[in-house]
PDB file of N, CA and C in Angstrom:
ATOM      1  N   MET A   1     -53.664 -57.302-100.902  1.00  0.00           N
ATOM      2  CA  MET A   1     -52.749 -57.523-101.942  1.00  0.00           C
ATOM      3  C   MET A   1     -53.157 -56.789-103.133  1.00  0.00           C
ATOM      4  N   GLU A   2     -52.323 -56.048-103.741  1.00  0.00           N
ATOM      5  CA  GLU A   2     -52.578 -55.221-104.937  1.00  0.00           C
ATOM      6  C   GLU A   2     -51.953 -56.024-106.132  1.00  0.00           C
ATOM      7  N   ALA A   3     -52.786 -56.146-107.118  1.00  0.00           N
ATOM      8  CA  ALA A   3     -52.263 -56.760-108.431  1.00  0.00           C
ATOM      9  C   ALA A   3     -52.564 -55.801-109.516  1.00  0.00           C
ATOM     10  N   ASP A   4     -51.537 -55.534-110.282  1.00  0.00           N
ATOM     11  CA  ASP A   4     -51.655 -54.698-111.574  1.00  0.00           C
ATOM     12  C   ASP A   4     -50.350 -54.775-112.356  1.00  0.00           C
ATOM     13  N   LEU A   5     -50.383 -54.182-113.521  1.00  0.00           N
ATOM     14  CA  LEU A   5     -49.202 -54.253-114.365  1.00  0.00           C
ATOM     15  C   LEU A   5     -48.154 -53.357-113.868  1.00  0.00           C
ATOM     16  N   SER A   6     -48.527 -52.287-113.200  1.00  0.00           N
ATOM     17  CA  SER A   6     -47.534 -51.441-112.507  1.00  0.00           C
ATOM     18  C   SER A   6     -48.327 -50.623-111.406  1.00  0.00           C
ATOM     19  N   ILE A   7     -47.648 -50.232-110.380  1.00  0.00           N
ATOM     20  CA  ILE A   7     -48.354 -49.444-109.300  1.00  0.00           C
ATOM     21  C   ILE A   7     -47.569 -48.154-109.032  1.00  0.00           C
ATOM     22  N   PRO A   8     -48.113 -47.094-109.628  1.00  0.00           N
ATOM     23  CA  PRO A   8     -47.408 -45.772-109.491  1.00  0.00           C
ATOM     24  C   PRO A   8     -47.336 -45.258-108.024  1.00  0.00           C
ATOM     25  N   ALA A   9     -46.592 -44.363-107.667  1.00  0.00           N
ATOM     26  CA  ALA A   9     -46.321 -43.940-106.308  1.00  0.00           C
ATOM     27  C   ALA A   9     -47.580 -43.407-105.727  1.00  0.00           C
ATOM     28  N   LEU A  10     -48.404 -42.701-106.429  1.00  0.00           N
ATOM     29  CA  LEU A  10     -49.705 -42.215-105.831  1.00  0.00           C
ATOM     30  C   LEU A  10     -50.639 -43.259-105.409  1.00  0.00           C
ATOM     31  N   ARG A  11     -50.685 -44.407-106.163  1.00  0.00           N
ATOM     32  CA  ARG A  11     -51.451 -45.505-105.656  1.00  0.00           C
ATOM     33  C   ARG A  11     -50.918 -46.229-104.556  1.00  0.00           C
ATOM     34  N   LEU A  12     -49.535 -46.324-104.557  1.00  0.00           N
ATOM     35  CA  LEU A  12     -48.835 -46.921-103.412  1.00  0.00           C
ATOM     36  C   LEU A  12     -49.127 -46.059-102.159  1.00  0.00           C
ATOM     37  N   ILE A  13     -49.171 -44.823-102.302  1.00  0.00           N
ATOM     38  CA  ILE A  13     -49.514 -43.935-101.089  1.00  0.00           C
ATOM     39  C   ILE A  13     -50.836 -44.249-100.642  1.00  0.00           C
ATOM     40  N   ARG A  14     -51.837 -44.377-101.587  1.00  0.00           N
ATOM     41  CA  ARG A  14     -53.219 -44.637-101.235  1.00  0.00           C
ATOM     42  C   ARG A  14     -53.292 -45.956-100.436  1.00  0.00           C
ATOM     43  N   VAL A  15     -52.574 -46.971-100.903  1.00  0.00           N
ATOM     44  CA  VAL A  15     -52.590 -48.310-100.226  1.00  0.00           C
ATOM     45  C   VAL A  15     -51.983 -48.046 -98.747  1.00  0.00           C
ATOM     46  N   LEU A  16     -50.934 -47.289 -98.662  1.00  0.00           N
ATOM     47  CA  LEU A  16     -50.279 -47.059 -97.399  1.00  0.00           C
ATOM     48  C   LEU A  16     -51.265 -46.306 -96.421  1.00  0.00           C
ATOM     49  N   GLU A  17     -52.022 -45.354 -96.978  1.00  0.00           N
ATOM     50  CA  GLU A  17     -53.028 -44.562 -96.197  1.00  0.00           C
ATOM     51  C   GLU A  17     -54.009 -45.589 -95.636  1.00  0.00           C
ATOM     52  N   TYR A  18     -54.489 -46.536 -96.499  1.00  0.00           N
ATOM     53  CA  TYR A  18     -55.488 -47.528 -96.051  1.00  0.00           C
ATOM     54  C   TYR A  18     -54.840 -48.309 -94.915  1.00  0.00           C
ATOM     55  N   LEU A  19     -53.685 -48.837 -95.140  1.00  0.00           N
ATOM     56  CA  LEU A  19     -53.019 -49.556 -94.080  1.00  0.00           C
ATOM     57  C   LEU A  19     -52.827 -48.836 -92.762  1.00  0.00           C
ATOM     58  N   LYS A  20     -52.521 -47.504 -92.956  1.00  0.00           N
ATOM     59  CA  LYS A  20     -52.368 -46.636 -91.755  1.00  0.00           C
ATOM     60  C   LYS A  20     -53.584 -46.746 -90.874  1.00  0.00           C
ATOM     61  N   GLU A  21     -54.781 -46.616 -91.490  1.00  0.00           N
ATOM     62  CA  GLU A  21     -56.053 -46.749 -90.729  1.00  0.00           C
ATOM     63  C   GLU A  21     -56.383 -48.153 -90.187  1.00  0.00           C
ATOM     64  N   PHE A  22     -56.004 -49.163 -91.024  1.00  0.00           N
ATOM     65  CA  PHE A  22     -56.349 -50.492 -90.710  1.00  0.00           C
ATOM     66  C   PHE A  22     -55.332 -51.237 -89.716  1.00  0.00           C
ATOM     67  N   ARG A  23     -54.066 -50.965 -89.928  1.00  0.00           N
ATOM     68  CA  ARG A  23     -53.046 -51.670 -89.198  1.00  0.00           C
ATOM     69  C   ARG A  23     -52.091 -50.738 -88.454  1.00  0.00           C
ATOM     70  N   GLY A  24     -52.030 -49.441 -88.759  1.00  0.00           N
ATOM     71  CA  GLY A  24     -50.948 -48.549 -88.206  1.00  0.00           C
ATOM     72  C   GLY A  24     -49.785 -48.598 -89.177  1.00  0.00           C
ATOM     73  N   LEU A  25     -48.844 -47.729 -88.847  1.00  0.00           N
ATOM     74  CA  LEU A  25     -47.657 -47.602 -89.800  1.00  0.00           C
ATOM     75  C   LEU A  25     -46.420 -48.054 -89.144  1.00  0.00           C
ATOM     76  N   PRO A  26     -45.467 -48.669 -89.897  1.00  0.00           N
ATOM     77  CA  PRO A  26     -44.223 -49.063 -89.445  1.00  0.00           C
ATOM     78  C   PRO A  26     -43.311 -47.856 -89.146  1.00  0.00           C
ATOM     79  N   GLU A  27     -42.180 -48.048 -88.398  1.00  0.00           N
ATOM     80  CA  GLU A  27     -41.213 -46.998 -88.240  1.00  0.00           C
ATOM     81  C   GLU A  27     -40.338 -46.919 -89.508  1.00  0.00           C
ATOM     82  N   MET A  28     -40.200 -47.995 -90.218  1.00  0.00           N
ATOM     83  CA  MET A  28     -39.235 -48.062 -91.364  1.00  0.00           C
ATOM     84  C   MET A  28     -39.849 -48.955 -92.422  1.00  0.00           C
ATOM     85  N   ILE A  29     -39.614 -48.627 -93.682  1.00  0.00           N
ATOM     86  CA  ILE A  29     -39.898 -49.386 -94.874  1.00  0.00           C
ATOM     87  C   ILE A  29     -38.684 -49.619 -95.676  1.00  0.00           C
ATOM     88  N   ARG A  30     -38.396 -50.875 -95.927  1.00  0.00           N
ATOM     89  CA  ARG A  30     -37.185 -51.240 -96.760  1.00  0.00           C
ATOM     90  C   ARG A  30     -37.745 -51.495 -98.162  1.00  0.00           C
ATOM     91  N   VAL A  31     -37.192 -50.854 -99.168  1.00  0.00           N
ATOM     92  CA  VAL A  31     -37.544 -50.957-100.561  1.00  0.00           C
ATOM     93  C   VAL A  31     -36.417 -51.110-101.500  1.00  0.00           C
ATOM     94  N   ASP A  32     -36.704 -51.653-102.726  1.00  0.00           N
ATOM     95  CA  ASP A  32     -35.727 -51.658-103.804  1.00  0.00           C
ATOM     96  C   ASP A  32     -35.735 -50.286-104.442  1.00  0.00           C
ATOM     97  N   ASN A  33     -35.116 -50.164-105.627  1.00  0.00           N
ATOM     98  CA  ASN A  33     -34.989 -48.912-106.261  1.00  0.00           C
ATOM     99  C   ASN A  33     -35.962 -48.815-107.459  1.00  0.00           C
ATOM    100  N   GLY A  34     -37.178 -49.397-107.390  1.00  0.00           N
ATOM    101  CA  GLY A  34     -38.141 -49.442-108.425  1.00  0.00           C
ATOM    102  C   GLY A  34     -38.734 -48.001-108.434  1.00  0.00           C
ATOM    103  N   PRO A  35     -39.197 -47.598-109.629  1.00  0.00           N
ATOM    104  CA  PRO A  35     -39.714 -46.221-109.827  1.00  0.00           C
ATOM    105  C   PRO A  35     -40.802 -45.768-108.822  1.00  0.00           C
ATOM    106  N   GLU A  36     -41.625 -46.659-108.377  1.00  0.00           N
ATOM    107  CA  GLU A  36     -42.675 -46.267-107.354  1.00  0.00           C
ATOM    108  C   GLU A  36     -42.066 -45.927-106.079  1.00  0.00           C
ATOM    109  N   PHE A  37     -40.866 -46.476-105.743  1.00  0.00           N
ATOM    110  CA  PHE A  37     -40.203 -46.264-104.417  1.00  0.00           C
ATOM    111  C   PHE A  37     -39.210 -45.087-104.407  1.00  0.00           C
ATOM    112  N   ILE A  38     -38.748 -44.728-105.634  1.00  0.00           N
ATOM    113  CA  ILE A  38     -37.746 -43.584-105.581  1.00  0.00           C
ATOM    114  C   ILE A  38     -38.523 -42.277-105.874  1.00  0.00           C
ATOM    115  N   SER A  39     -39.832 -42.276-105.846  1.00  0.00           N
ATOM    116  CA  SER A  39     -40.668 -41.179-106.155  1.00  0.00           C
ATOM    117  C   SER A  39     -40.467 -40.167-105.052  1.00  0.00           C
ATOM    118  N   TYR A  40     -40.354 -38.909-105.362  1.00  0.00           N
ATOM    119  CA  TYR A  40     -40.358 -37.712-104.471  1.00  0.00           C
ATOM    120  C   TYR A  40     -41.651 -37.660-103.550  1.00  0.00           C
ATOM    121  N   LYS A  41     -42.711 -38.064-104.294  1.00  0.00           N
ATOM    122  CA  LYS A  41     -43.996 -38.023-103.506  1.00  0.00           C
ATOM    123  C   LYS A  41     -44.049 -39.059-102.384  1.00  0.00           C
ATOM    124  N   LEU A  42     -43.507 -40.203-102.650  1.00  0.00           N
ATOM    125  CA  LEU A  42     -43.361 -41.275-101.551  1.00  0.00           C
ATOM    126  C   LEU A  42     -42.458 -40.833-100.498  1.00  0.00           C
ATOM    127  N   GLU A  43     -41.337 -40.165-100.906  1.00  0.00           N
ATOM    128  CA  GLU A  43     -40.406 -39.702 -99.865  1.00  0.00           C
ATOM    129  C   GLU A  43     -41.017 -38.714 -99.007  1.00  0.00           C
ATOM    130  N   CYS A  44     -41.805 -37.681 -99.536  1.00  0.00           N
ATOM    131  CA  CYS A  44     -42.454 -36.672 -98.743  1.00  0.00           C
ATOM    132  C   CYS A  44     -43.558 -37.336 -97.868  1.00  0.00           C
ATOM    133  N   TRP A  45     -44.285 -38.266 -98.412  1.00  0.00           N
ATOM    134  CA  TRP A  45     -45.329 -38.942 -97.527  1.00  0.00           C
ATOM    135  C   TRP A  45     -44.717 -39.634 -96.412  1.00  0.00           C
ATOM    136  N   CYS A  46     -43.590 -40.337 -96.554  1.00  0.00           N
ATOM    137  CA  CYS A  46     -42.869 -41.046 -95.486  1.00  0.00           C
ATOM    138  C   CYS A  46     -42.378 -40.023 -94.490  1.00  0.00           C
ATOM    139  N   ARG A  47     -41.793 -38.936 -94.958  1.00  0.00           N
ATOM    140  CA  ARG A  47     -41.370 -37.943 -94.040  1.00  0.00           C
ATOM    141  C   ARG A  47     -42.497 -37.364 -93.221  1.00  0.00           C
ATOM    142  N   GLU A  48     -43.615 -37.116 -93.794  1.00  0.00           N
ATOM    143  CA  GLU A  48     -44.740 -36.545 -93.076  1.00  0.00           C
ATOM    144  C   GLU A  48     -45.272 -37.515 -92.072  1.00  0.00           C
ATOM    145  N   ASN A  49     -45.129 -38.802 -92.345  1.00  0.00           N
ATOM    146  CA  ASN A  49     -45.661 -39.825 -91.442  1.00  0.00           C
ATOM    147  C   ASN A  49     -44.605 -40.420 -90.535  1.00  0.00           C
ATOM    148  N   LYS A  50     -43.430 -39.761 -90.510  1.00  0.00           N
ATOM    149  CA  LYS A  50     -42.271 -40.203 -89.696  1.00  0.00           C
ATOM    150  C   LYS A  50     -41.918 -41.707 -89.875  1.00  0.00           C
ATOM    151  N   ILE A  51     -41.817 -42.000 -91.203  1.00  0.00           N
ATOM    152  CA  ILE A  51     -41.418 -43.388 -91.663  1.00  0.00           C
ATOM    153  C   ILE A  51     -40.007 -43.233 -92.324  1.00  0.00           C
ATOM    154  N   ARG A  52     -39.086 -44.033 -91.785  1.00  0.00           N
ATOM    155  CA  ARG A  52     -37.720 -44.033 -92.437  1.00  0.00           C
ATOM    156  C   ARG A  52     -37.839 -44.891 -93.676  1.00  0.00           C
ATOM    157  N   LEU A  53     -37.451 -44.376 -94.817  1.00  0.00           N
ATOM    158  CA  LEU A  53     -37.372 -45.104 -96.097  1.00  0.00           C
ATOM    159  C   LEU A  53     -36.035 -45.559 -96.326  1.00  0.00           C
ATOM    160  N   VAL A  54     -35.808 -46.866 -96.397  1.00  0.00           N
ATOM    161  CA  VAL A  54     -34.465 -47.449 -96.486  1.00  0.00           C
ATOM    162  C   VAL A  54     -34.349 -48.187 -97.836  1.00  0.00           C
ATOM    163  N   PHE A  55     -33.352 -47.784 -98.663  1.00  0.00           N
ATOM    164  CA  PHE A  55     -33.205 -48.427 -99.979  1.00  0.00           C
ATOM    165  C   PHE A  55     -32.126 -49.567 -99.880  1.00  0.00           C
ATOM    166  N   ILE A  56     -32.464 -50.703-100.476  1.00  0.00           N
ATOM    167  CA  ILE A  56     -31.481 -51.723-100.589  1.00  0.00           C
ATOM    168  C   ILE A  56     -30.388 -51.289-101.692  1.00  0.00           C
ATOM    169  N   LEU A  57     -29.231 -51.868-101.609  1.00  0.00           N
ATOM    170  CA  LEU A  57     -28.366 -51.559-102.754  1.00  0.00           C
ATOM    171  C   LEU A  57     -28.754 -52.176-103.980  1.00  0.00           C
ATOM    172  N   SER A  58     -28.481 -51.436-105.116  1.00  0.00           N
ATOM    173  CA  SER A  58     -28.931 -52.007-106.482  1.00  0.00           C
ATOM    174  C   SER A  58     -28.319 -53.413-106.641  1.00  0.00           C
ATOM    175  N   GLY A  59     -29.075 -54.324-107.204  1.00  0.00           N
ATOM    176  CA  GLY A  59     -28.511 -55.651-107.448  1.00  0.00           C
ATOM    177  C   GLY A  59     -28.372 -56.542-106.288  1.00  0.00           C
ATOM    178  N   LYS A  60     -28.915 -56.127-105.115  1.00  0.00           N
ATOM    179  CA  LYS A  60     -28.759 -56.869-103.825  1.00  0.00           C
ATOM    180  C   LYS A  60     -30.089 -57.258-103.243  1.00  0.00           C
ATOM    181  N   PRO A  61     -30.926 -58.070-103.950  1.00  0.00           N
ATOM    182  CA  PRO A  61     -32.289 -58.428-103.407  1.00  0.00           C
ATOM    183  C   PRO A  61     -32.239 -59.123-102.099  1.00  0.00           C
ATOM    184  N   MET A  62     -31.097 -59.763-101.746  1.00  0.00           N
ATOM    185  CA  MET A  62     -30.977 -60.479-100.421  1.00  0.00           C
ATOM    186  C   MET A  62     -31.058 -59.516 -99.328  1.00  0.00           C
ATOM    187  N   GLN A  63     -30.869 -58.195 -99.512  1.00  0.00           N
ATOM    188  CA  GLN A  63     -31.037 -57.233 -98.440  1.00  0.00           C
ATOM    189  C   GLN A  63     -32.503 -57.055 -98.140  1.00  0.00           C
ATOM    190  N   ASN A  64     -33.379 -57.562 -98.847  1.00  0.00           N
ATOM    191  CA  ASN A  64     -34.827 -57.458 -98.644  1.00  0.00           C
ATOM    192  C   ASN A  64     -35.382 -58.895 -98.658  1.00  0.00           C
ATOM    193  N   ALA A  65     -34.793 -59.852 -97.895  1.00  0.00           N
ATOM    194  CA  ALA A  65     -34.942 -61.238 -98.021  1.00  0.00           C
ATOM    195  C   ALA A  65     -36.482 -61.595 -97.754  1.00  0.00           C
ATOM    196  N   TYR A  66     -37.166 -60.976 -96.801  1.00  0.00           N
ATOM    197  CA  TYR A  66     -38.463 -61.365 -96.502  1.00  0.00           C
ATOM    198  C   TYR A  66     -39.469 -61.048 -97.651  1.00  0.00           C
ATOM    199  N   VAL A  67     -39.200 -59.959 -98.255  1.00  0.00           N
ATOM    200  CA  VAL A  67     -40.129 -59.513 -99.461  1.00  0.00           C
ATOM    201  C   VAL A  67     -39.760 -60.472-100.546  1.00  0.00           C
ATOM    202  N   GLU A  68     -38.509 -60.821-100.789  1.00  0.00           N
ATOM    203  CA  GLU A  68     -38.105 -61.752-101.866  1.00  0.00           C
ATOM    204  C   GLU A  68     -38.712 -63.088-101.679  1.00  0.00           C
ATOM    205  N   ARG A  69     -38.735 -63.560-100.418  1.00  0.00           N
ATOM    206  CA  ARG A  69     -39.277 -64.870-100.131  1.00  0.00           C
ATOM    207  C   ARG A  69     -40.833 -64.859-100.426  1.00  0.00           C
ATOM    208  N   CYS A  70     -41.500 -63.798 -99.991  1.00  0.00           N
ATOM    209  CA  CYS A  70     -42.921 -63.592-100.146  1.00  0.00           C
ATOM    210  C   CYS A  70     -43.204 -63.586-101.664  1.00  0.00           C
ATOM    211  N   ASN A  71     -42.432 -62.689-102.485  1.00  0.00           N
ATOM    212  CA  ASN A  71     -42.621 -62.655-103.889  1.00  0.00           C
ATOM    213  C   ASN A  71     -42.379 -64.052-104.579  1.00  0.00           C
ATOM    214  N   GLY A  72     -41.464 -64.783-104.068  1.00  0.00           N
ATOM    215  CA  GLY A  72     -41.276 -66.185-104.614  1.00  0.00           C
ATOM    216  C   GLY A  72     -42.354 -67.064-104.370  1.00  0.00           C
ATOM    217  N   SER A  73     -42.946 -67.014-103.201  1.00  0.00           N
ATOM    218  CA  SER A  73     -44.121 -67.897-102.872  1.00  0.00           C
ATOM    219  C   SER A  73     -45.319 -67.486-103.695  1.00  0.00           C
ATOM    220  N   ILE A  74     -45.500 -66.197-103.896  1.00  0.00           N
ATOM    221  CA  ILE A  74     -46.593 -65.690-104.730  1.00  0.00           C
ATOM    222  C   ILE A  74     -46.359 -66.196-106.246  1.00  0.00           C
ATOM    223  N   ARG A  75     -45.185 -66.033-106.677  1.00  0.00           N
ATOM    224  CA  ARG A  75     -44.896 -66.472-108.057  1.00  0.00           C
ATOM    225  C   ARG A  75     -45.163 -68.006-108.198  1.00  0.00           C
ATOM    226  N   ARG A  76     -44.580 -68.788-107.288  1.00  0.00           N
ATOM    227  CA  ARG A  76     -44.806 -70.256-107.421  1.00  0.00           C
ATOM    228  C   ARG A  76     -46.192 -70.760-107.182  1.00  0.00           C
ATOM    229  N   GLU A  77     -46.803 -70.335-106.089  1.00  0.00           N
ATOM    230  CA  GLU A  77     -48.136 -70.805-105.696  1.00  0.00           C
ATOM    231  C   GLU A  77     -49.337 -70.222-106.384  1.00  0.00           C
ATOM    232  N   LEU A  78     -49.128 -69.007-106.900  1.00  0.00           N
ATOM    233  CA  LEU A  78     -50.294 -68.267-107.560  1.00  0.00           C
ATOM    234  C   LEU A  78     -50.035 -68.037-109.033  1.00  0.00           C
ATOM    235  N   LEU A  79     -49.002 -67.158-109.338  1.00  0.00           N
ATOM    236  CA  LEU A  79     -48.894 -66.660-110.679  1.00  0.00           C
ATOM    237  C   LEU A  79     -48.488 -67.785-111.667  1.00  0.00           C
ATOM    238  N   ASN A  80     -47.535 -68.729-111.315  1.00  0.00           N
ATOM    239  CA  ASN A  80     -47.182 -69.801-112.210  1.00  0.00           C
ATOM    240  C   ASN A  80     -48.129 -70.985-112.168  1.00  0.00           C
ATOM    241  N   ALA A  81     -49.064 -70.990-111.215  1.00  0.00           N
ATOM    242  CA  ALA A  81     -49.976 -72.110-111.178  1.00  0.00           C
ATOM    243  C   ALA A  81     -51.218 -71.902-112.101  1.00  0.00           C
ATOM    244  N   TYR A  82     -51.375 -70.784-112.660  1.00  0.00           N
ATOM    245  CA  TYR A  82     -52.597 -70.558-113.460  1.00  0.00           C
ATOM    246  C   TYR A  82     -52.216 -69.732-114.708  1.00  0.00           C
ATOM    247  N   VAL A  83     -53.093 -69.878-115.681  1.00  0.00           N
ATOM    248  CA  VAL A  83     -52.967 -68.981-116.889  1.00  0.00           C
ATOM    249  C   VAL A  83     -54.100 -67.982-116.752  1.00  0.00           C
ATOM    250  N   PHE A  84     -53.585 -66.716-116.640  1.00  0.00           N
ATOM    251  CA  PHE A  84     -54.594 -65.650-116.463  1.00  0.00           C
ATOM    252  C   PHE A  84     -54.883 -64.933-117.869  1.00  0.00           C
ATOM    253  N   ARG A  85     -56.152 -64.559-118.043  1.00  0.00           N
ATOM    254  CA  ARG A  85     -56.432 -63.778-119.219  1.00  0.00           C
ATOM    255  C   ARG A  85     -56.635 -62.315-118.978  1.00  0.00           C
ATOM    256  N   THR A  86     -57.069 -62.041-117.778  1.00  0.00           N
ATOM    257  CA  THR A  86     -57.347 -60.614-117.339  1.00  0.00           C
ATOM    258  C   THR A  86     -56.812 -60.372-116.028  1.00  0.00           C
ATOM    259  N   LEU A  87     -56.595 -59.047-115.740  1.00  0.00           N
ATOM    260  CA  LEU A  87     -56.186 -58.568-114.404  1.00  0.00           C
ATOM    261  C   LEU A  87     -57.282 -58.935-113.372  1.00  0.00           C
ATOM    262  N   SER A  88     -58.525 -58.940-113.749  1.00  0.00           N
ATOM    263  CA  SER A  88     -59.538 -59.221-112.745  1.00  0.00           C
ATOM    264  C   SER A  88     -59.399 -60.725-112.291  1.00  0.00           C
ATOM    265  N   GLU A  89     -59.064 -61.643-113.210  1.00  0.00           N
ATOM    266  CA  GLU A  89     -58.844 -63.011-112.824  1.00  0.00           C
ATOM    267  C   GLU A  89     -57.702 -63.116-111.881  1.00  0.00           C
ATOM    268  N   VAL A  90     -56.597 -62.326-112.135  1.00  0.00           N
ATOM    269  CA  VAL A  90     -55.465 -62.331-111.225  1.00  0.00           C
ATOM    270  C   VAL A  90     -55.898 -61.840-109.876  1.00  0.00           C
ATOM    271  N   ARG A  91     -56.635 -60.791-109.773  1.00  0.00           N
ATOM    272  CA  ARG A  91     -57.127 -60.225-108.504  1.00  0.00           C
ATOM    273  C   ARG A  91     -57.996 -61.205-107.766  1.00  0.00           C
ATOM    274  N   GLU A  92     -58.861 -61.819-108.517  1.00  0.00           N
ATOM    275  CA  GLU A  92     -59.821 -62.864-107.824  1.00  0.00           C
ATOM    276  C   GLU A  92     -58.937 -64.032-107.241  1.00  0.00           C
ATOM    277  N   LYS A  93     -58.112 -64.556-108.065  1.00  0.00           N
ATOM    278  CA  LYS A  93     -57.216 -65.647-107.470  1.00  0.00           C
ATOM    279  C   LYS A  93     -56.314 -65.195-106.408  1.00  0.00           C
ATOM    280  N   ALA A  94     -55.839 -64.007-106.507  1.00  0.00           N
ATOM    281  CA  ALA A  94     -54.948 -63.466-105.408  1.00  0.00           C
ATOM    282  C   ALA A  94     -55.685 -63.372-104.102  1.00  0.00           C
ATOM    283  N   GLU A  95     -56.903 -62.897-104.112  1.00  0.00           N
ATOM    284  CA  GLU A  95     -57.719 -62.890-102.948  1.00  0.00           C
ATOM    285  C   GLU A  95     -57.995 -64.304-102.351  1.00  0.00           C
ATOM    286  N   GLU A  96     -58.338 -65.280-103.233  1.00  0.00           N
ATOM    287  CA  GLU A  96     -58.461 -66.585-102.792  1.00  0.00           C
ATOM    288  C   GLU A  96     -57.223 -67.104-102.159  1.00  0.00           C
ATOM    289  N   TRP A  97     -56.101 -66.874-102.799  1.00  0.00           N
ATOM    290  CA  TRP A  97     -54.792 -67.314-102.253  1.00  0.00           C
ATOM    291  C   TRP A  97     -54.501 -66.703-100.849  1.00  0.00           C
ATOM    292  N   ARG A  98     -54.805 -65.412-100.776  1.00  0.00           N
ATOM    293  CA  ARG A  98     -54.534 -64.723 -99.509  1.00  0.00           C
ATOM    294  C   ARG A  98     -55.434 -65.273 -98.384  1.00  0.00           C
ATOM    295  N   LEU A  99     -56.738 -65.586 -98.693  1.00  0.00           N
ATOM    296  CA  LEU A  99     -57.485 -66.258 -97.722  1.00  0.00           C
ATOM    297  C   LEU A  99     -57.116 -67.610 -97.332  1.00  0.00           C
ATOM    298  N   ASP A 100     -56.701 -68.436 -98.313  1.00  0.00           N
ATOM    299  CA  ASP A 100     -56.170 -69.738 -98.064  1.00  0.00           C
ATOM    300  C   ASP A 100     -54.936 -69.745 -97.113  1.00  0.00           C
ATOM    301  N   ARG A 101     -54.167 -68.759 -97.298  1.00  0.00           N
ATOM    302  CA  ARG A 101     -52.916 -68.555 -96.549  1.00  0.00           C
ATOM    303  C   ARG A 101     -53.177 -67.993 -95.098  1.00  0.00           C
ATOM    304  N   GLY A 102     -54.418 -67.942 -94.711  1.00  0.00           N
ATOM    305  CA  GLY A 102     -54.730 -67.395 -93.441  1.00  0.00           C
ATOM    306  C   GLY A 102     -54.897 -65.905 -93.313  1.00  0.00           C
ATOM    307  N   GLY A 103     -55.029 -65.219 -94.369  1.00  0.00           N
ATOM    308  CA  GLY A 103     -55.123 -63.759 -94.364  1.00  0.00           C
ATOM    309  C   GLY A 103     -56.342 -63.243 -93.676  1.00  0.00           C
ATOM    310  N   GLY A 104     -57.446 -64.050 -93.767  1.00  0.00           N
ATOM    311  CA  GLY A 104     -58.705 -63.633 -93.227  1.00  0.00           C
ATOM    312  C   GLY A 104     -59.383 -62.550 -94.045  1.00  0.00           C
ATOM    313  N   PRO A 105     -60.671 -62.385 -93.862  1.00  0.00           N
ATOM    314  CA  PRO A 105     -61.366 -61.416 -94.712  1.00  0.00           C
ATOM    315  C   PRO A 105     -60.927 -59.963 -94.258  1.00  0.00           C
ATOM    316  N   LEU A 106     -60.729 -59.111 -95.342  1.00  0.00           N
ATOM    317  CA  LEU A 106     -60.431 -57.672 -94.884  1.00  0.00           C
ATOM    318  C   LEU A 106     -61.651 -57.038 -94.219  1.00  0.00           C
ATOM    319  N   GLN A 107     -61.401 -56.230 -93.310  1.00  0.00           N
ATOM    320  CA  GLN A 107     -62.552 -55.503 -92.653  1.00  0.00           C
ATOM    321  C   GLN A 107     -62.303 -54.027 -92.923  1.00  0.00           C
ATOM    322  N   SER A 108     -63.355 -53.306 -92.631  1.00  0.00           N
ATOM    323  CA  SER A 108     -63.292 -51.865 -92.778  1.00  0.00           C
ATOM    324  C   SER A 108     -62.359 -51.336 -91.699  1.00  0.00           C
ATOM    325  N   PRO A 109     -61.632 -50.270 -91.908  1.00  0.00           N
ATOM    326  CA  PRO A 109     -60.730 -49.767 -90.876  1.00  0.00           C
ATOM    327  C   PRO A 109     -61.565 -49.333 -89.706  1.00  0.00           C
ATOM    328  N   PRO A 110     -60.918 -49.452 -88.473  1.00  0.00           N
ATOM    329  CA  PRO A 110     -61.683 -49.038 -87.297  1.00  0.00           C
ATOM    330  C   PRO A 110     -62.167 -47.529 -87.446  1.00  0.00           C
ATOM    331  N   ALA A 111     -63.327 -47.350 -86.745  1.00  0.00           N
ATOM    332  CA  ALA A 111     -63.871 -46.020 -86.741  1.00  0.00           C
ATOM    333  C   ALA A 111     -62.978 -45.154 -85.868  1.00  0.00           C
ATOM    334  N   SER A 112     -63.000 -43.881 -86.176  1.00  0.00           N
ATOM    335  CA  SER A 112     -62.137 -42.877 -85.417  1.00  0.00           C
ATOM    336  C   SER A 112     -62.758 -42.803 -83.969  1.00  0.00           C
ATOM    337  N   PRO A 113     -61.904 -42.528 -82.929  1.00  0.00           N
ATOM    338  CA  PRO A 113     -62.409 -42.372 -81.584  1.00  0.00           C
ATOM    339  C   PRO A 113     -63.546 -41.361 -81.564  1.00  0.00           C
ATOM    340  N   GLY A 114     -63.486 -40.342 -82.327  1.00  0.00           N
ATOM    341  CA  GLY A 114     -64.615 -39.293 -82.326  1.00  0.00           C
ATOM    342  C   GLY A 114     -65.960 -39.839 -82.712  1.00  0.00           C
ATOM    343  N   ALA A 115     -65.830 -40.650 -83.775  1.00  0.00           N
ATOM    344  CA  ALA A 115     -67.135 -41.335 -84.314  1.00  0.00           C
ATOM    345  C   ALA A 115     -67.717 -42.268 -83.250  1.00  0.00           C
ATOM    346  N   GLU A 116     -66.794 -42.970 -82.576  1.00  0.00           N
ATOM    347  CA  GLU A 116     -67.291 -43.862 -81.513  1.00  0.00           C
ATOM    348  C   GLU A 116     -67.986 -43.116 -80.387  1.00  0.00           C
ATOM    349  N   LEU A 117     -67.443 -41.917 -79.979  1.00  0.00           N
ATOM    350  CA  LEU A 117     -68.125 -41.100 -78.899  1.00  0.00           C
ATOM    351  C   LEU A 117     -69.448 -40.606 -79.459  1.00  0.00           C
ATOM    352  N   GLN A 118     -69.549 -40.141 -80.657  1.00  0.00           N
ATOM    353  CA  GLN A 118     -70.767 -39.647 -81.149  1.00  0.00           C
ATOM    354  C   GLN A 118     -71.904 -40.688 -81.191  1.00  0.00           C
ATOM    355  N   SER A 119     -71.467 -41.993 -81.462  1.00  0.00           N
ATOM    356  CA  SER A 119     -72.610 -43.005 -81.543  1.00  0.00           C
ATOM    357  C   SER A 119     -73.050 -43.345 -80.104  1.00  0.00           C
ATOM    358  N   THR A 120     -72.235 -43.073 -79.043  1.00  0.00           N
ATOM    359  CA  THR A 120     -72.721 -43.423 -77.726  1.00  0.00           C
ATOM    360  C   THR A 120     -73.392 -42.326 -77.000  1.00  0.00           C
ATOM    361  N   CYS A 121     -73.343 -41.025 -77.572  1.00  0.00           N
ATOM    362  CA  CYS A 121     -73.886 -39.860 -76.886  1.00  0.00           C
ATOM    363  C   CYS A 121     -75.273 -39.588 -77.338  1.00  0.00           C
TER     364      CYS A 121
END
C-alpha cells in the first residue's frame, strides 16, 4: 500500500514494476481520470507490458466499484480512525492495517530463474 499526498505517474510505474516481479501483471487495469493515470508515460508502459488501460467515464465511480469499496474501507477503518501528524505515521498505520486485514508480510520478489540456476551449479 502506497501512502502519499500524491503519486506521480513515474512512481506509479515503479510500484507496478515491483508488482510485476512479485505477483505478475494483469491483462487489464481499470482507472479513473486522475493525472497519474492519464499520463503518456503510464500509457506507454502499459502498452510495452501488454496491459489494456481502461478508463471509467468521468463522474461514474461505480464503474470501478471494487476500488471504490476498498477506498471506502481504508477511509473508514484507517484514515478516519486516527489523527495523523506526519506521512510516516500514515505509512506505519497503513502497514499495520494491511497486516491486520490478512495481507501478510511483504517478501522480496522471487529470484529470476537464471539466479536460481547459478546458485545450484
